[in-house]
Amino acid sequence: MNETYSALAAFAQTGGLIYFMILFGIVLAYALWPTNRKKFDDAAQIPFRED
């Protein structure tokens, strides 16, 4: 029983790490994608606009 728990815990930790690394890569690629630059620059200027 203890070996089963250890194996399952190790698999969950490795799977979680891989999942979050892939998710981080996708978010980073989205944020740095050249076609999104205008959208992000426009959003960055919202606080400085006069109503």
PDB file of N, CA and C in Angstrom:
ATOM      1  N   MET A   1       0.827  -1.193   0.000  1.00  0.00           N
ATOM      2  CA  MET A   1       0.000   0.000   0.000  1.00  0.00           C
ATOM      3  C   MET A   1       0.870   1.257   0.000  1.00  0.00           C
ATOM      4  N   ASN A   2       1.941   1.271   0.750  1.00  0.00           N
ATOM      5  CA  ASN A   2       2.815   2.423   0.820  1.00  0.00           C
ATOM      6  C   ASN A   2       3.516   2.649  -0.514  1.00  0.00           C
ATOM      7  N   GLU A   3       3.898   1.568  -1.204  1.00  0.00           N
ATOM      8  CA  GLU A   3       4.545   1.702  -2.506  1.00  0.00           C
ATOM      9  C   GLU A   3       3.576   2.270  -3.536  1.00  0.00           C
ATOM     10  N   THR A   4       2.326   1.857  -3.462  1.00  0.00           N
ATOM     11  CA  THR A   4       1.315   2.370  -4.379  1.00  0.00           C
ATOM     12  C   THR A   4       1.116   3.867  -4.177  1.00  0.00           C
ATOM     13  N   TYR A   5       1.042   4.289  -2.938  1.00  0.00           N
ATOM     14  CA  TYR A   5       0.875   5.709  -2.640  1.00  0.00           C
ATOM     15  C   TYR A   5       2.077   6.514  -3.135  1.00  0.00           C
ATOM     16  N   SER A   6       3.268   6.004  -2.897  1.00  0.00           N
ATOM     17  CA  SER A   6       4.471   6.710  -3.320  1.00  0.00           C
ATOM     18  C   SER A   6       4.535   6.833  -4.839  1.00  0.00           C
ATOM     19  N   ALA A   7       4.183   5.760  -5.537  1.00  0.00           N
ATOM     20  CA  ALA A   7       4.203   5.788  -6.997  1.00  0.00           C
ATOM     21  C   ALA A   7       3.156   6.766  -7.525  1.00  0.00           C
ATOM     22  N   LEU A   8       1.970   6.748  -6.946  1.00  0.00           N
ATOM     23  CA  LEU A   8       0.907   7.655  -7.373  1.00  0.00           C
ATOM     24  C   LEU A   8       1.273   9.110  -7.069  1.00  0.00           C
ATOM     25  N   ALA A   9       1.862   9.365  -5.920  1.00  0.00           N
ATOM     26  CA  ALA A   9       2.270  10.723  -5.564  1.00  0.00           C
ATOM     27  C   ALA A   9       3.364  11.227  -6.502  1.00  0.00           C
ATOM     28  N   ALA A  10       4.318  10.385  -6.835  1.00  0.00           N
ATOM     29  CA  ALA A  10       5.386  10.778  -7.755  1.00  0.00           C
ATOM     30  C   ALA A  10       4.828  11.068  -9.150  1.00  0.00           C
ATOM     31  N   PHE A  11       3.898  10.245  -9.602  1.00  0.00           N
ATOM     32  CA  PHE A  11       3.269  10.473 -10.904  1.00  0.00           C
ATOM     33  C   PHE A  11       2.486  11.779 -10.914  1.00  0.00           C
ATOM     34  N   ALA A  12       1.751  12.064  -9.834  1.00  0.00           N
ATOM     35  CA  ALA A  12       0.955  13.289  -9.757  1.00  0.00           C
ATOM     36  C   ALA A  12       1.865  14.514  -9.724  1.00  0.00           C
ATOM     37  N   GLN A  13       2.970  14.432  -9.015  1.00  0.00           N
ATOM     38  CA  GLN A  13       3.890  15.564  -8.954  1.00  0.00           C
ATOM     39  C   GLN A  13       4.529  15.818 -10.314  1.00  0.00           C
ATOM     40  N   THR A  14       4.947  14.777 -10.977  1.00  0.00           N
ATOM     41  CA  THR A  14       5.562  14.921 -12.293  1.00  0.00           C
ATOM     42  C   THR A  14       4.544  15.413 -13.310  1.00  0.00           C
ATOM     43  N   GLY A  15       3.366  14.847 -13.289  1.00  0.00           N
ATOM     44  CA  GLY A  15       2.315  15.274 -14.205  1.00  0.00           C
ATOM     45  C   GLY A  15       1.918  16.719 -13.980  1.00  0.00           C
ATOM     46  N   GLY A  16       1.808  17.122 -12.733  1.00  0.00           N
ATOM     47  CA  GLY A  16       1.469  18.504 -12.413  1.00  0.00           C
ATOM     48  C   GLY A  16       2.548  19.472 -12.875  1.00  0.00           C
ATOM     49  N   LEU A  17       3.797  19.097 -12.684  1.00  0.00           N
ATOM     50  CA  LEU A  17       4.904  19.934 -13.125  1.00  0.00           C
ATOM     51  C   LEU A  17       4.887  20.109 -14.638  1.00  0.00           C
ATOM     52  N   ILE A  18       4.702  19.025 -15.350  1.00  0.00           N
ATOM     53  CA  ILE A  18       4.661  19.088 -16.815  1.00  0.00           C
ATOM     54  C   ILE A  18       3.469  19.915 -17.279  1.00  0.00           C
ATOM     55  N   TYR A  19       2.324  19.715 -16.659  1.00  0.00           N
ATOM     56  CA  TYR A  19       1.117  20.471 -17.012  1.00  0.00           C
ATOM     57  C   TYR A  19       1.347  21.971 -16.842  1.00  0.00           C
ATOM     58  N   PHE A  20       1.889  22.382 -15.693  1.00  0.00           N
ATOM     59  CA  PHE A  20       2.085  23.802 -15.450  1.00  0.00           C
ATOM     60  C   PHE A  20       3.203  24.386 -16.311  1.00  0.00           C
ATOM     61  N   MET A  21       4.206  23.607 -16.661  1.00  0.00           N
ATOM     62  CA  MET A  21       5.243  24.089 -17.570  1.00  0.00           C
ATOM     63  C   MET A  21       4.668  24.336 -18.963  1.00  0.00           C
ATOM     64  N   ILE A  22       3.829  23.434 -19.431  1.00  0.00           N
ATOM     65  CA  ILE A  22       3.183  23.615 -20.738  1.00  0.00           C
ATOM     66  C   ILE A  22       2.248  24.821 -20.701  1.00  0.00           C
ATOM     67  N   LEU A  23       1.475  24.948 -19.633  1.00  0.00           N
ATOM     68  CA  LEU A  23       0.569  26.080 -19.492  1.00  0.00           C
ATOM     69  C   LEU A  23       1.342  27.397 -19.461  1.00  0.00           C
ATOM     70  N   PHE A  24       2.452  27.440 -18.733  1.00  0.00           N
ATOM     71  CA  PHE A  24       3.279  28.638 -18.678  1.00  0.00           C
ATOM     72  C   PHE A  24       3.830  28.976 -20.055  1.00  0.00           C
ATOM     73  N   GLY A  25       4.264  27.970 -20.799  1.00  0.00           N
ATOM     74  CA  GLY A  25       4.776  28.199 -22.150  1.00  0.00           C
ATOM     75  C   GLY A  25       3.711  28.764 -23.076  1.00  0.00           C
ATOM     76  N   ILE A  26       2.496  28.273 -22.961  1.00  0.00           N
ATOM     77  CA  ILE A  26       1.408  28.768 -23.801  1.00  0.00           C
ATOM     78  C   ILE A  26       1.088  30.224 -23.456  1.00  0.00           C
ATOM     79  N   VAL A  27       1.015  30.536 -22.177  1.00  0.00           N
ATOM     80  CA  VAL A  27       0.726  31.909 -21.759  1.00  0.00           C
ATOM     81  C   VAL A  27       1.853  32.847 -22.183  1.00  0.00           C
ATOM     82  N   LEU A  28       3.087  32.425 -22.043  1.00  0.00           N
ATOM     83  CA  LEU A  28       4.226  33.240 -22.454  1.00  0.00           C
ATOM     84  C   LEU A  28       4.223  33.470 -23.953  1.00  0.00           C
ATOM     85  N   ALA A  29       3.944  32.441 -24.724  1.00  0.00           N
ATOM     86  CA  ALA A  29       3.889  32.584 -26.178  1.00  0.00           C
ATOM     87  C   ALA A  29       2.766  33.535 -26.577  1.00  0.00           C
ATOM     88  N   TYR A  30       1.618  33.450 -25.919  1.00  0.00           N
ATOM     89  CA  TYR A  30       0.507  34.359 -26.214  1.00  0.00           C
ATOM     90  C   TYR A  30       0.891  35.802 -25.905  1.00  0.00           C
ATOM     91  N   ALA A  31       1.536  36.010 -24.770  1.00  0.00           N
ATOM     92  CA  ALA A  31       1.891  37.368 -24.362  1.00  0.00           C
ATOM     93  C   ALA A  31       2.960  37.978 -25.264  1.00  0.00           C
ATOM     94  N   LEU A  32       3.843  37.177 -25.802  1.00  0.00           N
ATOM     95  CA  LEU A  32       4.937  37.691 -26.623  1.00  0.00           C
ATOM     96  C   LEU A  32       4.692  37.565 -28.119  1.00  0.00           C
ATOM     97  N   TRP A  33       3.541  37.063 -28.513  1.00  0.00           N
ATOM     98  CA  TRP A  33       3.237  36.895 -29.930  1.00  0.00           C
ATOM     99  C   TRP A  33       3.173  38.272 -30.596  1.00  0.00           C
ATOM    100  N   PRO A  34       3.858  38.446 -31.708  1.00  0.00           N
ATOM    101  CA  PRO A  34       3.953  39.778 -32.319  1.00  0.00           C
ATOM    102  C   PRO A  34       2.603  40.411 -32.690  1.00  0.00           C
ATOM    103  N   THR A  35       1.630  39.631 -33.088  1.00  0.00           N
ATOM    104  CA  THR A  35       0.348  40.217 -33.500  1.00  0.00           C
ATOM    105  C   THR A  35      -0.466  40.723 -32.310  1.00  0.00           C
ATOM    106  N   ASN A  36      -0.125  40.351 -31.098  1.00  0.00           N
ATOM    107  CA  ASN A  36      -0.852  40.817 -29.911  1.00  0.00           C
ATOM    108  C   ASN A  36      -0.296  42.121 -29.360  1.00  0.00           C
ATOM    109  N   ARG A  37       0.810  42.603 -29.905  1.00  0.00           N
ATOM    110  CA  ARG A  37       1.467  43.790 -29.364  1.00  0.00           C
ATOM    111  C   ARG A  37       0.542  45.013 -29.364  1.00  0.00           C
ATOM    112  N   LYS A  38      -0.149  45.261 -30.473  1.00  0.00           N
ATOM    113  CA  LYS A  38      -1.031  46.433 -30.559  1.00  0.00           C
ATOM    114  C   LYS A  38      -2.135  46.354 -29.509  1.00  0.00           C
ATOM    115  N   LYS A  39      -2.693  45.183 -29.328  1.00  0.00           N
ATOM    116  CA  LYS A  39      -3.769  45.001 -28.351  1.00  0.00           C
ATOM    117  C   LYS A  39      -3.270  45.289 -26.930  1.00  0.00           C
ATOM    118  N   PHE A  40      -2.076  44.803 -26.596  1.00  0.00           N
ATOM    119  CA  PHE A  40      -1.532  45.010 -25.256  1.00  0.00           C
ATOM    120  C   PHE A  40      -1.085  46.451 -25.054  1.00  0.00           C
ATOM    121  N   ASP A  41      -0.532  47.083 -26.089  1.00  0.00           N
ATOM    122  CA  ASP A  41      -0.159  48.490 -25.984  1.00  0.00           C
ATOM    123  C   ASP A  41      -1.391  49.364 -25.774  1.00  0.00           C
ATOM    124  N   ASP A  42      -2.462  49.045 -26.471  1.00  0.00           N
ATOM    125  CA  ASP A  42      -3.708  49.783 -26.308  1.00  0.00           C
ATOM    126  C   ASP A  42      -4.264  49.603 -24.890  1.00  0.00           C
ATOM    127  N   ALA A  43      -4.229  48.400 -24.379  1.00  0.00           N
ATOM    128  CA  ALA A  43      -4.727  48.140 -23.022  1.00  0.00           C
ATOM    129  C   ALA A  43      -3.865  48.830 -21.968  1.00  0.00           C
ATOM    130  N   ALA A  44      -2.573  48.974 -22.236  1.00  0.00           N
ATOM    131  CA  ALA A  44      -1.679  49.629 -21.282  1.00  0.00           C
ATOM    132  C   ALA A  44      -1.957  51.125 -21.178  1.00  0.00           C
ATOM    133  N   GLN A  45      -2.552  51.711 -22.201  1.00  0.00           N
ATOM    134  CA  GLN A  45      -2.828  53.142 -22.206  1.00  0.00           C
ATOM    135  C   GLN A  45      -4.189  53.509 -21.618  1.00  0.00           C
ATOM    136  N   ILE A  46      -5.007  52.545 -21.277  1.00  0.00           N
ATOM    137  CA  ILE A  46      -6.351  52.807 -20.748  1.00  0.00           C
ATOM    138  C   ILE A  46      -6.341  53.711 -19.510  1.00  0.00           C
ATOM    139  N   PRO A  47      -5.460  53.514 -18.540  1.00  0.00           N
ATOM    140  CA  PRO A  47      -5.505  54.394 -17.352  1.00  0.00           C
ATOM    141  C   PRO A  47      -5.174  55.865 -17.651  1.00  0.00           C
ATOM    142  N   PHE A  48      -4.505  56.129 -18.762  1.00  0.00           N
ATOM    143  CA  PHE A  48      -4.085  57.485 -19.076  1.00  0.00           C
ATOM    144  C   PHE A  48      -5.088  58.229 -19.959  1.00  0.00           C
ATOM    145  N   ARG A  49      -6.136  57.592 -20.387  1.00  0.00           N
ATOM    146  CA  ARG A  49      -7.130  58.220 -21.258  1.00  0.00           C
ATOM    147  C   ARG A  49      -8.060  59.110 -20.458  1.00  0.00           C
ATOM    148  N   GLU A  50      -8.451  60.178 -21.075  1.00  0.00           N
ATOM    149  CA  GLU A  50      -9.448  61.066 -20.472  1.00  0.00           C
ATOM    150  C   GLU A  50     -10.840  60.578 -20.892  1.00  0.00           C
ATOM    151  N   ASP A  51     -11.754  60.605 -19.991  1.00  0.00           N
ATOM    152  CA  ASP A  51     -13.124  60.164 -20.325  1.00  0.00           C
ATOM    153  C   ASP A  51     -13.886  61.185 -21.072  1.00  0.00           C
TER     154      ASP A  51
END
